[in-house]
């Protein structure tokens, strides 16, 4: 066991106990091999993902929280069961289908074998960033709830945990999390990833960089 990582994990546990609110972001290190278009073996296993999410769920406990994730394999919903209103996935989901013009649940599709839109007859795809003409309406209701959650954290003890977020889609998690920490002087921010864990200079003293694989860190230390 790495003693520095173990200490960081203990610091995070202490910070979670002291926090009024917890905000969690998951990045591409959390793509499982159930992610659409990800070849088996290129992502983490479902078991690794589930174990990690379970550890984060235990860490959060009964604290007020919200989660934003870049993963679109939906594994997180199996662990945070019944907490859909506290999760937003801007890169999409497998729980909705779309053609170029219509968005629907799988239950609304009559021809599930051929994945054909019942409205226009076009081929359906999962409602995620891989879909042609990705329909962002699929996550916008949850994103509004996310923004309302952020408003409640102003001038409160906010623990920000960012796991495996690199510089792809930085405007979704990385840059907004930086801004939150800059303006909330009662916040603490742990940025954990294996490629670019650095913080902006304005969060010095409250932004903690941990250069390691975030899935391994959560599963082996938290």
Protein backbone atom coordinates (compact mmCIF):
# COMPACT_ATOMS: atom_id res chain seq x y z
CA UNK A 1 0.00 0.00 0.00
CA UNK A 2 1.17 3.51 -0.83
CA UNK A 3 1.29 5.49 2.41
CA UNK A 4 0.72 8.84 0.65
CA UNK A 5 -2.40 7.55 -1.09
CA UNK A 6 -3.62 6.00 2.14
CA UNK A 7 -3.26 9.36 3.90
CA UNK A 8 -5.11 11.09 1.07
CA UNK A 9 -7.93 8.57 1.41
CA UNK A 10 -8.16 9.21 5.14
CA UNK A 11 -8.20 12.97 4.49
CA UNK A 12 -11.07 12.51 2.04
CA UNK A 13 -13.03 10.45 4.57
CA UNK A 14 -12.53 13.15 7.19
CA UNK A 15 -13.52 15.88 4.73
CA UNK A 16 -16.68 13.97 3.81
CA UNK A 17 -17.67 13.80 7.47
CA UNK A 18 -17.16 17.55 7.89
CA UNK A 19 -18.84 18.61 4.64
CA UNK A 20 -22.33 20.06 4.31
CA UNK A 21 -22.50 19.00 0.66
CA UNK A 22 -20.59 16.62 -1.59
CA UNK A 23 -20.19 17.03 -5.34
CA UNK A 24 -18.71 14.13 -7.33
CA UNK A 25 -17.52 14.06 -10.92
CA UNK A 26 -16.58 10.91 -12.83
CA UNK A 27 -14.49 11.05 -16.00
CA UNK A 28 -13.29 8.74 -18.72
CA UNK A 29 -11.27 6.51 -16.40
CA UNK A 30 -14.68 5.19 -15.33
CA UNK A 31 -15.80 4.03 -18.77
CA UNK A 32 -16.62 0.34 -18.37
CA UNK A 33 -16.40 -2.21 -21.15
CA UNK A 34 -20.20 -1.96 -21.31
CA UNK A 35 -19.87 1.54 -22.77
CA UNK A 36 -21.34 1.63 -26.29
CA UNK A 37 -18.58 1.38 -28.92
CA UNK A 38 -15.92 0.53 -26.33
CA UNK A 39 -14.21 -2.75 -27.18
CA UNK A 40 -14.16 -5.29 -24.38
CA UNK A 41 -10.90 -4.90 -22.50
CA UNK A 42 -10.49 -1.19 -23.36
CA UNK A 43 -12.54 -0.01 -20.40
CA UNK A 44 -12.60 -1.13 -16.82
CA UNK A 45 -14.68 -4.18 -16.00
CA UNK A 46 -18.23 -3.85 -14.78
CA UNK A 47 -17.11 -5.39 -11.48
CA UNK A 48 -14.42 -2.72 -11.00
CA UNK A 49 -16.91 0.04 -11.76
CA UNK A 50 -19.58 -1.34 -9.42
CA UNK A 51 -17.10 -1.80 -6.59
CA UNK A 52 -15.87 1.77 -6.99
CA UNK A 53 -19.35 3.27 -7.12
CA UNK A 54 -20.31 1.30 -4.02
CA UNK A 55 -17.35 2.77 -2.16
CA UNK A 56 -18.29 6.28 -3.18
CA UNK A 57 -21.92 5.66 -2.19
CA UNK A 58 -20.73 4.53 1.25
CA UNK A 59 -18.47 7.57 1.53
CA UNK A 60 -21.33 9.95 0.76
CA UNK A 61 -23.65 8.37 3.32
CA UNK A 62 -26.62 10.61 4.04
CA UNK A 63 -24.90 13.84 2.96
CA UNK A 64 -26.62 16.09 0.46
CA UNK A 65 -24.92 15.36 -2.84
CA UNK A 66 -24.97 15.42 -6.60
CA UNK A 67 -23.06 13.45 -9.22
CA UNK A 68 -22.10 14.45 -12.74
CA UNK A 69 -20.55 11.80 -14.94
CA UNK A 70 -19.05 11.54 -18.41
CA UNK A 71 -19.69 7.79 -18.43
CA UNK A 72 -22.63 6.66 -20.55
CA UNK A 73 -22.70 2.95 -19.77
CA UNK A 74 -25.34 3.45 -17.01
CA UNK A 75 -23.52 1.19 -14.53
CA UNK A 76 -23.68 3.94 -11.92
CA UNK A 77 -27.49 3.74 -11.81
CA UNK A 78 -27.33 0.12 -10.65
CA UNK A 79 -25.44 1.23 -7.53
CA UNK A 80 -27.15 4.57 -6.91
CA UNK A 81 -30.51 2.86 -7.33
CA UNK A 82 -33.46 5.20 -6.98
CA UNK A 83 -31.24 8.30 -7.01
CA UNK A 84 -31.63 9.28 -10.64
CA UNK A 85 -32.59 12.80 -9.59
CA UNK A 86 -29.10 13.24 -8.08
CA UNK A 87 -27.17 12.14 -11.18
CA UNK A 88 -26.66 13.89 -14.50
CA UNK A 89 -24.89 12.26 -17.46
CA UNK A 90 -24.34 14.90 -20.17
CA UNK A 91 -22.68 12.39 -22.52
CA UNK A 92 -25.89 10.38 -22.61
CA UNK A 93 -27.40 7.09 -21.59
CA UNK A 94 -28.52 3.67 -22.77
CA UNK A 95 -31.88 4.19 -21.07
CA UNK A 96 -33.12 6.42 -23.89
CA UNK A 97 -33.19 5.91 -27.64
CA UNK A 98 -33.20 8.46 -30.44
CA UNK A 99 -33.36 8.85 -34.17
CA UNK A 100 -32.48 12.20 -35.74
CA UNK A 101 -35.76 13.76 -34.64
CA UNK A 102 -37.32 11.79 -31.81
CA UNK A 103 -36.37 10.80 -28.27
CA UNK A 104 -38.02 7.91 -26.44
CA UNK A 105 -37.68 5.14 -23.89
CA UNK A 106 -37.18 1.52 -25.02
CA UNK A 107 -40.72 0.76 -23.80
CA UNK A 108 -42.08 3.06 -26.50
CA UNK A 109 -40.40 1.12 -29.29
CA UNK A 110 -42.51 -1.54 -30.97
CA UNK A 111 -39.83 -3.01 -33.23
CA UNK A 112 -37.11 -3.59 -30.64
CA UNK A 113 -35.44 -6.28 -32.72
CA UNK A 114 -34.62 -3.84 -35.52
CA UNK A 115 -34.48 -0.68 -33.38
CA UNK A 116 -36.80 1.32 -35.63
CA UNK A 117 -38.43 4.59 -34.60
CA UNK A 118 -42.21 4.09 -34.29
CA UNK A 119 -42.82 7.71 -35.37
CA UNK A 120 -40.75 8.11 -38.52
CA UNK A 121 -39.30 4.67 -39.26
CA UNK A 122 -35.68 5.79 -38.95
CA UNK A 123 -33.04 3.65 -37.31
CA UNK A 124 -32.72 4.23 -33.58
CA UNK A 125 -29.52 4.59 -31.56
CA UNK A 126 -28.71 5.07 -27.92
CA UNK A 127 -29.16 8.66 -26.79
CA UNK A 128 -25.49 9.50 -26.27
CA UNK A 129 -22.64 11.44 -27.82
CA UNK A 130 -22.06 8.73 -30.42
CA UNK A 131 -25.50 9.24 -31.95
CA UNK A 132 -25.80 11.29 -35.10
CA UNK A 133 -27.48 14.52 -34.07
CA UNK A 134 -27.17 13.75 -30.37
CA UNK A 135 -30.30 15.06 -28.64
CA UNK A 136 -29.17 16.71 -25.43
CA UNK A 137 -32.76 17.02 -24.25
CA UNK A 138 -32.27 13.60 -22.71
CA UNK A 139 -30.27 14.99 -19.79
CA UNK A 140 -31.42 18.61 -19.52
CA UNK A 141 -34.00 18.05 -16.76
CA UNK A 142 -31.33 16.48 -14.55
CA UNK A 143 -28.91 19.27 -15.45
CA UNK A 144 -31.41 21.84 -14.18
CA UNK A 145 -31.58 19.95 -10.88
CA UNK A 146 -27.78 19.93 -10.80
CA UNK A 147 -27.64 23.71 -11.21
CA UNK A 148 -30.17 24.16 -8.40
CA UNK A 149 -28.06 21.92 -6.19
CA UNK A 150 -25.00 24.07 -6.88
CA UNK A 151 -26.92 27.17 -5.81
CA UNK A 152 -27.56 25.61 -2.39
CA UNK A 153 -23.82 25.06 -1.82
CA UNK A 154 -22.90 28.76 -1.86
CA UNK A 155 -20.89 29.66 1.26
CA UNK A 156 -21.30 26.10 2.62
CA UNK A 157 -18.71 23.45 3.34
CA UNK A 158 -18.52 21.75 -0.04
CA UNK A 159 -16.37 18.70 -0.72
CA UNK A 160 -15.58 18.35 -4.43
CA UNK A 161 -14.36 14.96 -5.59
CA UNK A 162 -13.22 14.58 -9.18
CA UNK A 163 -12.29 11.09 -10.33
CA UNK A 164 -10.60 10.37 -13.64
CA UNK A 165 -11.51 13.57 -15.48
CA UNK A 166 -9.04 14.50 -18.23
CA UNK A 167 -9.08 17.33 -20.74
CA UNK A 168 -11.75 15.86 -23.01
CA UNK A 169 -15.02 17.75 -22.56
CA UNK A 170 -13.40 20.06 -19.95
CA UNK A 171 -16.36 22.44 -20.01
CA UNK A 172 -18.62 19.73 -18.54
CA UNK A 173 -16.82 18.92 -15.28
CA UNK A 174 -13.25 20.14 -15.07
CA UNK A 175 -13.61 23.88 -15.66
CA UNK A 176 -16.88 24.27 -13.70
CA UNK A 177 -15.40 22.41 -10.73
CA UNK A 178 -12.39 24.73 -10.80
CA UNK A 179 -14.70 27.74 -10.77
CA UNK A 180 -16.74 26.36 -7.87
CA UNK A 181 -13.66 25.92 -5.75
CA UNK A 182 -12.30 29.35 -6.67
CA UNK A 183 -15.44 31.14 -5.50
CA UNK A 184 -16.39 28.97 -2.53
CA UNK A 185 -13.73 29.58 0.11
CA UNK A 186 -15.25 26.88 2.32
CA UNK A 187 -14.74 24.19 -0.30
CA UNK A 188 -12.05 21.55 -0.63
CA UNK A 189 -11.32 19.87 -3.94
CA UNK A 190 -9.61 16.51 -4.56
CA UNK A 191 -8.69 16.01 -8.22
CA UNK A 192 -7.59 12.42 -8.84
CA UNK A 193 -6.49 11.17 -12.25
CA UNK A 194 -3.51 9.53 -13.86
CA UNK A 195 -2.81 12.13 -16.54
CA UNK A 196 -3.44 15.74 -15.52
CA UNK A 197 -4.41 16.26 -11.85
CA UNK A 198 -3.14 19.84 -11.57
CA UNK A 199 -5.32 22.59 -10.13
CA UNK A 200 -5.60 26.24 -11.07
CA UNK A 201 -3.47 28.54 -8.94
CA UNK A 202 -6.51 30.28 -7.43
CA UNK A 203 -7.43 27.15 -5.47
CA UNK A 204 -4.03 26.83 -3.81
CA UNK A 205 -4.37 25.26 -0.36
CA UNK A 206 -7.85 23.89 -1.07
CA UNK A 207 -7.18 22.03 -4.30
CA UNK A 208 -5.38 18.71 -3.78
CA UNK A 209 -3.82 16.93 -6.78
CA UNK A 210 -3.47 13.16 -6.74
CA UNK A 211 -1.68 11.66 -9.75
CA UNK A 212 -2.91 8.08 -9.86
CA UNK A 213 -5.60 6.03 -11.55
CA UNK A 214 -8.81 7.07 -9.84
CA UNK A 215 -10.54 3.69 -10.11
CA UNK A 216 -7.58 1.94 -8.46
CA UNK A 217 -7.45 4.65 -5.80
CA UNK A 218 -11.12 4.32 -4.90
CA UNK A 219 -11.12 0.52 -4.93
CA UNK A 220 -7.87 0.04 -3.03
CA UNK A 221 -7.81 2.95 -0.58
CA UNK A 222 -11.30 4.33 0.02
